[in-house]
Amino acid sequence: MSKAAFIDLVAGLDKKDVLSKADAKRQIDRVFGAIEAGLKAGKDKGYTIGGFGTFKITKRAARKGRNPRTGEAIKIKASKTLRFKPAASLKKAAGV
């Protein structure tokens, strides 16, 4: 789902106009901003939204890899990545 489609869904355009699209966009941007701020503040602890899930920044160690074209060994530097673990209620709602 695109962000625009998500805004339409929150605004209620698929049923009836509950919020204006501009108000829905502001609210969605606030939610995303809060998640970003929580991740920046929490660093390695993660950011949990009850009933939805947990966002966490994890570290990947440096490792060796191979160039698939040439077979040459290469060094892959250490990096950080974002992980999301859905809450049990979200998994159940999705049928997973």
N, C-alpha and C. Protein backbone atom coordinates (compact mmCIF):
# COMPACT_ATOMS: atom_id res chain seq x y z
N MET A 1 0.85 -1.17 0.00
CA MET A 1 0.00 0.00 0.00
C MET A 1 0.90 1.23 0.00
N SER A 2 0.58 2.18 -0.84
CA SER A 2 1.35 3.42 -0.90
C SER A 2 0.91 4.34 0.24
N LYS A 3 1.74 5.34 0.52
CA LYS A 3 1.40 6.30 1.57
C LYS A 3 0.14 7.07 1.20
N ALA A 4 -0.03 7.39 -0.07
CA ALA A 4 -1.24 8.10 -0.53
C ALA A 4 -2.49 7.25 -0.31
N ALA A 5 -2.40 5.96 -0.58
CA ALA A 5 -3.54 5.06 -0.37
C ALA A 5 -3.84 4.93 1.12
N PHE A 6 -2.79 4.91 1.93
CA PHE A 6 -2.96 4.84 3.37
C PHE A 6 -3.65 6.10 3.90
N ILE A 7 -3.25 7.25 3.37
CA ILE A 7 -3.89 8.51 3.76
C ILE A 7 -5.37 8.48 3.39
N ASP A 8 -5.69 8.00 2.19
CA ASP A 8 -7.10 7.88 1.77
C ASP A 8 -7.88 6.97 2.71
N LEU A 9 -7.26 5.87 3.11
CA LEU A 9 -7.92 4.93 4.02
C LEU A 9 -8.19 5.56 5.37
N VAL A 10 -7.21 6.26 5.91
CA VAL A 10 -7.37 6.92 7.20
C VAL A 10 -8.39 8.05 7.10
N ALA A 11 -8.39 8.76 5.99
CA ALA A 11 -9.34 9.85 5.80
C ALA A 11 -10.77 9.34 5.65
N GLY A 12 -10.92 8.07 5.34
CA GLY A 12 -12.25 7.50 5.21
C GLY A 12 -12.84 7.68 3.83
N LEU A 13 -12.01 7.91 2.82
CA LEU A 13 -12.52 8.14 1.47
C LEU A 13 -13.11 6.88 0.84
N ASP A 14 -12.77 5.72 1.40
CA ASP A 14 -13.35 4.49 0.86
C ASP A 14 -14.77 4.28 1.39
N LYS A 15 -15.17 4.99 2.44
CA LYS A 15 -16.51 4.84 3.02
C LYS A 15 -17.23 6.18 3.01
N LYS A 16 -16.84 7.01 3.93
CA LYS A 16 -17.40 8.36 4.02
C LYS A 16 -16.33 9.28 4.55
N ASP A 17 -16.43 10.54 4.26
CA ASP A 17 -15.40 11.50 4.68
C ASP A 17 -15.48 11.74 6.19
N VAL A 18 -14.52 11.18 6.91
CA VAL A 18 -14.44 11.37 8.34
C VAL A 18 -13.44 12.49 8.65
N LEU A 19 -12.32 12.46 7.96
CA LEU A 19 -11.27 13.47 8.07
C LEU A 19 -10.98 14.01 6.69
N SER A 20 -10.47 15.21 6.63
CA SER A 20 -10.00 15.69 5.32
C SER A 20 -8.68 14.98 5.03
N LYS A 21 -8.32 14.92 3.75
CA LYS A 21 -7.05 14.27 3.38
C LYS A 21 -5.87 15.00 4.03
N ALA A 22 -5.95 16.31 4.12
CA ALA A 22 -4.86 17.09 4.73
C ALA A 22 -4.71 16.74 6.21
N ASP A 23 -5.86 16.61 6.93
CA ASP A 23 -5.80 16.24 8.34
C ASP A 23 -5.26 14.82 8.52
N ALA A 24 -5.69 13.92 7.66
CA ALA A 24 -5.21 12.54 7.72
C ALA A 24 -3.71 12.48 7.47
N LYS A 25 -3.23 13.25 6.50
CA LYS A 25 -1.80 13.28 6.19
C LYS A 25 -1.01 13.81 7.37
N ARG A 26 -1.50 14.87 8.01
CA ARG A 26 -0.81 15.42 9.18
C ARG A 26 -0.73 14.39 10.30
N GLN A 27 -1.82 13.66 10.53
CA GLN A 27 -1.83 12.67 11.60
C GLN A 27 -0.88 11.51 11.30
N ILE A 28 -0.86 11.06 10.06
CA ILE A 28 0.03 9.97 9.66
C ILE A 28 1.48 10.43 9.78
N ASP A 29 1.77 11.65 9.34
CA ASP A 29 3.13 12.17 9.47
C ASP A 29 3.55 12.28 10.94
N ARG A 30 2.60 12.61 11.82
CA ARG A 30 2.89 12.66 13.25
C ARG A 30 3.24 11.27 13.79
N VAL A 31 2.48 10.27 13.38
CA VAL A 31 2.74 8.90 13.84
C VAL A 31 4.11 8.44 13.37
N PHE A 32 4.40 8.63 12.08
CA PHE A 32 5.70 8.23 11.54
C PHE A 32 6.83 9.01 12.21
N GLY A 33 6.60 10.29 12.47
CA GLY A 33 7.60 11.11 13.15
C GLY A 33 7.86 10.62 14.57
N ALA A 34 6.79 10.20 15.25
CA ALA A 34 6.94 9.68 16.61
C ALA A 34 7.74 8.39 16.61
N ILE A 35 7.51 7.53 15.62
CA ILE A 35 8.27 6.29 15.52
C ILE A 35 9.74 6.60 15.27
N GLU A 36 10.02 7.52 14.35
CA GLU A 36 11.41 7.92 14.06
C GLU A 36 12.08 8.48 15.31
N ALA A 37 11.38 9.37 16.03
CA ALA A 37 11.95 9.97 17.24
C ALA A 37 12.20 8.90 18.30
N GLY A 38 11.29 7.96 18.43
CA GLY A 38 11.46 6.89 19.40
C GLY A 38 12.65 6.02 19.08
N LEU A 39 12.86 5.74 17.80
CA LEU A 39 14.02 4.94 17.41
C LEU A 39 15.32 5.69 17.66
N LYS A 40 15.33 6.98 17.38
CA LYS A 40 16.54 7.78 17.62
C LYS A 40 16.83 7.88 19.11
N ALA A 41 15.80 8.04 19.93
CA ALA A 41 15.98 8.20 21.37
C ALA A 41 16.33 6.87 22.03
N GLY A 42 15.71 5.79 21.58
CA GLY A 42 15.90 4.49 22.21
C GLY A 42 17.15 3.77 21.78
N LYS A 43 17.74 4.21 20.67
CA LYS A 43 18.94 3.59 20.09
C LYS A 43 18.75 2.08 19.95
N ASP A 44 19.38 1.28 20.81
CA ASP A 44 19.35 -0.18 20.65
C ASP A 44 18.20 -0.86 21.38
N LYS A 45 17.44 -0.10 22.17
CA LYS A 45 16.36 -0.70 22.95
C LYS A 45 15.14 -1.03 22.08
N GLY A 46 14.91 -0.28 21.04
CA GLY A 46 13.75 -0.50 20.20
C GLY A 46 12.62 0.43 20.59
N TYR A 47 11.55 0.34 19.83
CA TYR A 47 10.39 1.19 20.05
C TYR A 47 9.15 0.32 19.90
N THR A 48 8.42 0.15 20.99
CA THR A 48 7.26 -0.75 21.00
C THR A 48 5.97 0.04 20.96
N ILE A 49 5.08 -0.38 20.07
CA ILE A 49 3.73 0.17 20.00
C ILE A 49 2.81 -0.98 20.37
N GLY A 50 2.17 -0.88 21.54
CA GLY A 50 1.33 -1.95 22.05
C GLY A 50 0.25 -2.36 21.05
N GLY A 51 0.11 -3.66 20.84
CA GLY A 51 -0.89 -4.18 19.94
C GLY A 51 -0.51 -4.10 18.47
N PHE A 52 0.63 -3.48 18.17
CA PHE A 52 1.08 -3.36 16.79
C PHE A 52 2.39 -4.10 16.58
N GLY A 53 3.42 -3.74 17.35
CA GLY A 53 4.68 -4.43 17.22
C GLY A 53 5.84 -3.61 17.74
N THR A 54 7.04 -4.13 17.50
CA THR A 54 8.27 -3.50 17.97
C THR A 54 9.21 -3.23 16.81
N PHE A 55 9.70 -2.01 16.73
CA PHE A 55 10.74 -1.63 15.78
C PHE A 55 12.05 -1.63 16.54
N LYS A 56 13.10 -2.20 15.95
CA LYS A 56 14.38 -2.26 16.64
C LYS A 56 15.51 -2.12 15.63
N ILE A 57 16.54 -1.37 16.02
CA ILE A 57 17.73 -1.23 15.19
C ILE A 57 18.71 -2.32 15.61
N THR A 58 19.15 -3.13 14.67
CA THR A 58 20.12 -4.18 14.96
C THR A 58 21.41 -3.91 14.20
N LYS A 59 22.49 -4.44 14.73
CA LYS A 59 23.80 -4.27 14.11
C LYS A 59 24.20 -5.55 13.40
N ARG A 60 24.75 -5.39 12.21
CA ARG A 60 25.31 -6.52 11.47
C ARG A 60 26.82 -6.41 11.53
N ALA A 61 27.47 -7.48 11.86
CA ALA A 61 28.93 -7.49 11.93
C ALA A 61 29.53 -7.49 10.53
N ALA A 62 30.78 -7.04 10.45
CA ALA A 62 31.50 -7.11 9.18
C ALA A 62 31.70 -8.60 8.84
N ARG A 63 31.70 -8.89 7.56
CA ARG A 63 31.84 -10.29 7.15
C ARG A 63 32.46 -10.38 5.77
N LYS A 64 32.81 -11.58 5.39
CA LYS A 64 33.36 -11.82 4.06
C LYS A 64 32.23 -12.28 3.15
N GLY A 65 32.32 -11.89 1.90
CA GLY A 65 31.34 -12.31 0.90
C GLY A 65 32.03 -12.63 -0.40
N ARG A 66 31.25 -12.93 -1.41
CA ARG A 66 31.81 -13.23 -2.73
C ARG A 66 31.04 -12.46 -3.78
N ASN A 67 31.78 -11.95 -4.75
CA ASN A 67 31.18 -11.32 -5.92
C ASN A 67 30.63 -12.46 -6.77
N PRO A 68 29.31 -12.52 -7.01
CA PRO A 68 28.75 -13.66 -7.75
C PRO A 68 29.22 -13.75 -9.20
N ARG A 69 29.60 -12.63 -9.80
CA ARG A 69 30.08 -12.66 -11.19
C ARG A 69 31.48 -13.23 -11.32
N THR A 70 32.36 -12.75 -10.44
CA THR A 70 33.77 -13.13 -10.58
C THR A 70 34.21 -14.20 -9.59
N GLY A 71 33.46 -14.38 -8.52
CA GLY A 71 33.86 -15.32 -7.48
C GLY A 71 34.91 -14.74 -6.55
N GLU A 72 35.27 -13.48 -6.75
CA GLU A 72 36.30 -12.82 -5.94
C GLU A 72 35.78 -12.58 -4.53
N ALA A 73 36.63 -12.83 -3.53
CA ALA A 73 36.27 -12.57 -2.13
C ALA A 73 36.25 -11.07 -1.89
N ILE A 74 35.23 -10.60 -1.18
CA ILE A 74 35.12 -9.18 -0.85
C ILE A 74 34.81 -9.02 0.63
N LYS A 75 35.12 -7.85 1.17
CA LYS A 75 34.80 -7.54 2.56
C LYS A 75 33.50 -6.74 2.57
N ILE A 76 32.58 -7.15 3.41
CA ILE A 76 31.32 -6.42 3.59
C ILE A 76 31.42 -5.75 4.95
N LYS A 77 31.32 -4.43 4.96
CA LYS A 77 31.52 -3.70 6.21
C LYS A 77 30.32 -3.84 7.14
N ALA A 78 30.54 -3.55 8.41
CA ALA A 78 29.48 -3.59 9.42
C ALA A 78 28.41 -2.55 9.08
N SER A 79 27.17 -2.85 9.45
CA SER A 79 26.07 -1.93 9.16
C SER A 79 24.97 -2.07 10.20
N LYS A 80 24.02 -1.18 10.13
CA LYS A 80 22.83 -1.24 10.98
C LYS A 80 21.62 -1.46 10.09
N THR A 81 20.60 -2.12 10.63
CA THR A 81 19.38 -2.33 9.88
C THR A 81 18.18 -2.22 10.82
N LEU A 82 17.03 -1.97 10.27
CA LEU A 82 15.81 -1.83 11.05
C LEU A 82 15.02 -3.12 10.97
N ARG A 83 14.59 -3.61 12.10
CA ARG A 83 13.78 -4.84 12.17
C ARG A 83 12.41 -4.50 12.76
N PHE A 84 11.42 -5.27 12.34
CA PHE A 84 10.07 -5.10 12.89
C PHE A 84 9.55 -6.47 13.30
N LYS A 85 9.10 -6.56 14.54
CA LYS A 85 8.49 -7.79 15.04
C LYS A 85 7.03 -7.48 15.35
N PRO A 86 6.09 -8.05 14.59
CA PRO A 86 4.68 -7.74 14.83
C PRO A 86 4.18 -8.33 16.15
N ALA A 87 3.23 -7.66 16.76
CA ALA A 87 2.60 -8.15 17.97
C ALA A 87 1.73 -9.35 17.65
N ALA A 88 1.46 -10.16 18.63
CA ALA A 88 0.65 -11.37 18.44
C ALA A 88 -0.73 -11.04 17.88
N SER A 89 -1.34 -9.95 18.35
CA SER A 89 -2.68 -9.58 17.87
C SER A 89 -2.64 -9.18 16.38
N LEU A 90 -1.56 -8.53 15.95
CA LEU A 90 -1.42 -8.15 14.54
C LEU A 90 -1.20 -9.39 13.68
N LYS A 91 -0.40 -10.32 14.17
CA LYS A 91 -0.16 -11.57 13.44
C LYS A 91 -1.48 -12.34 13.28
N LYS A 92 -2.25 -12.36 14.36
CA LYS A 92 -3.54 -13.07 14.32
C LYS A 92 -4.49 -12.41 13.33
N ALA A 93 -4.54 -11.09 13.33
CA ALA A 93 -5.42 -10.36 12.42
C ALA A 93 -5.02 -10.59 10.95
N ALA A 94 -3.71 -10.75 10.73
CA ALA A 94 -3.22 -10.99 9.37
C ALA A 94 -3.33 -12.45 8.97
N GLY A 95 -3.69 -13.30 9.91
CA GLY A 95 -3.83 -14.73 9.61
C GLY A 95 -2.50 -15.45 9.50
N VAL A 96 -1.50 -14.95 10.22
CA VAL A 96 -0.17 -15.57 10.18
C VAL A 96 0.05 -16.40 11.41
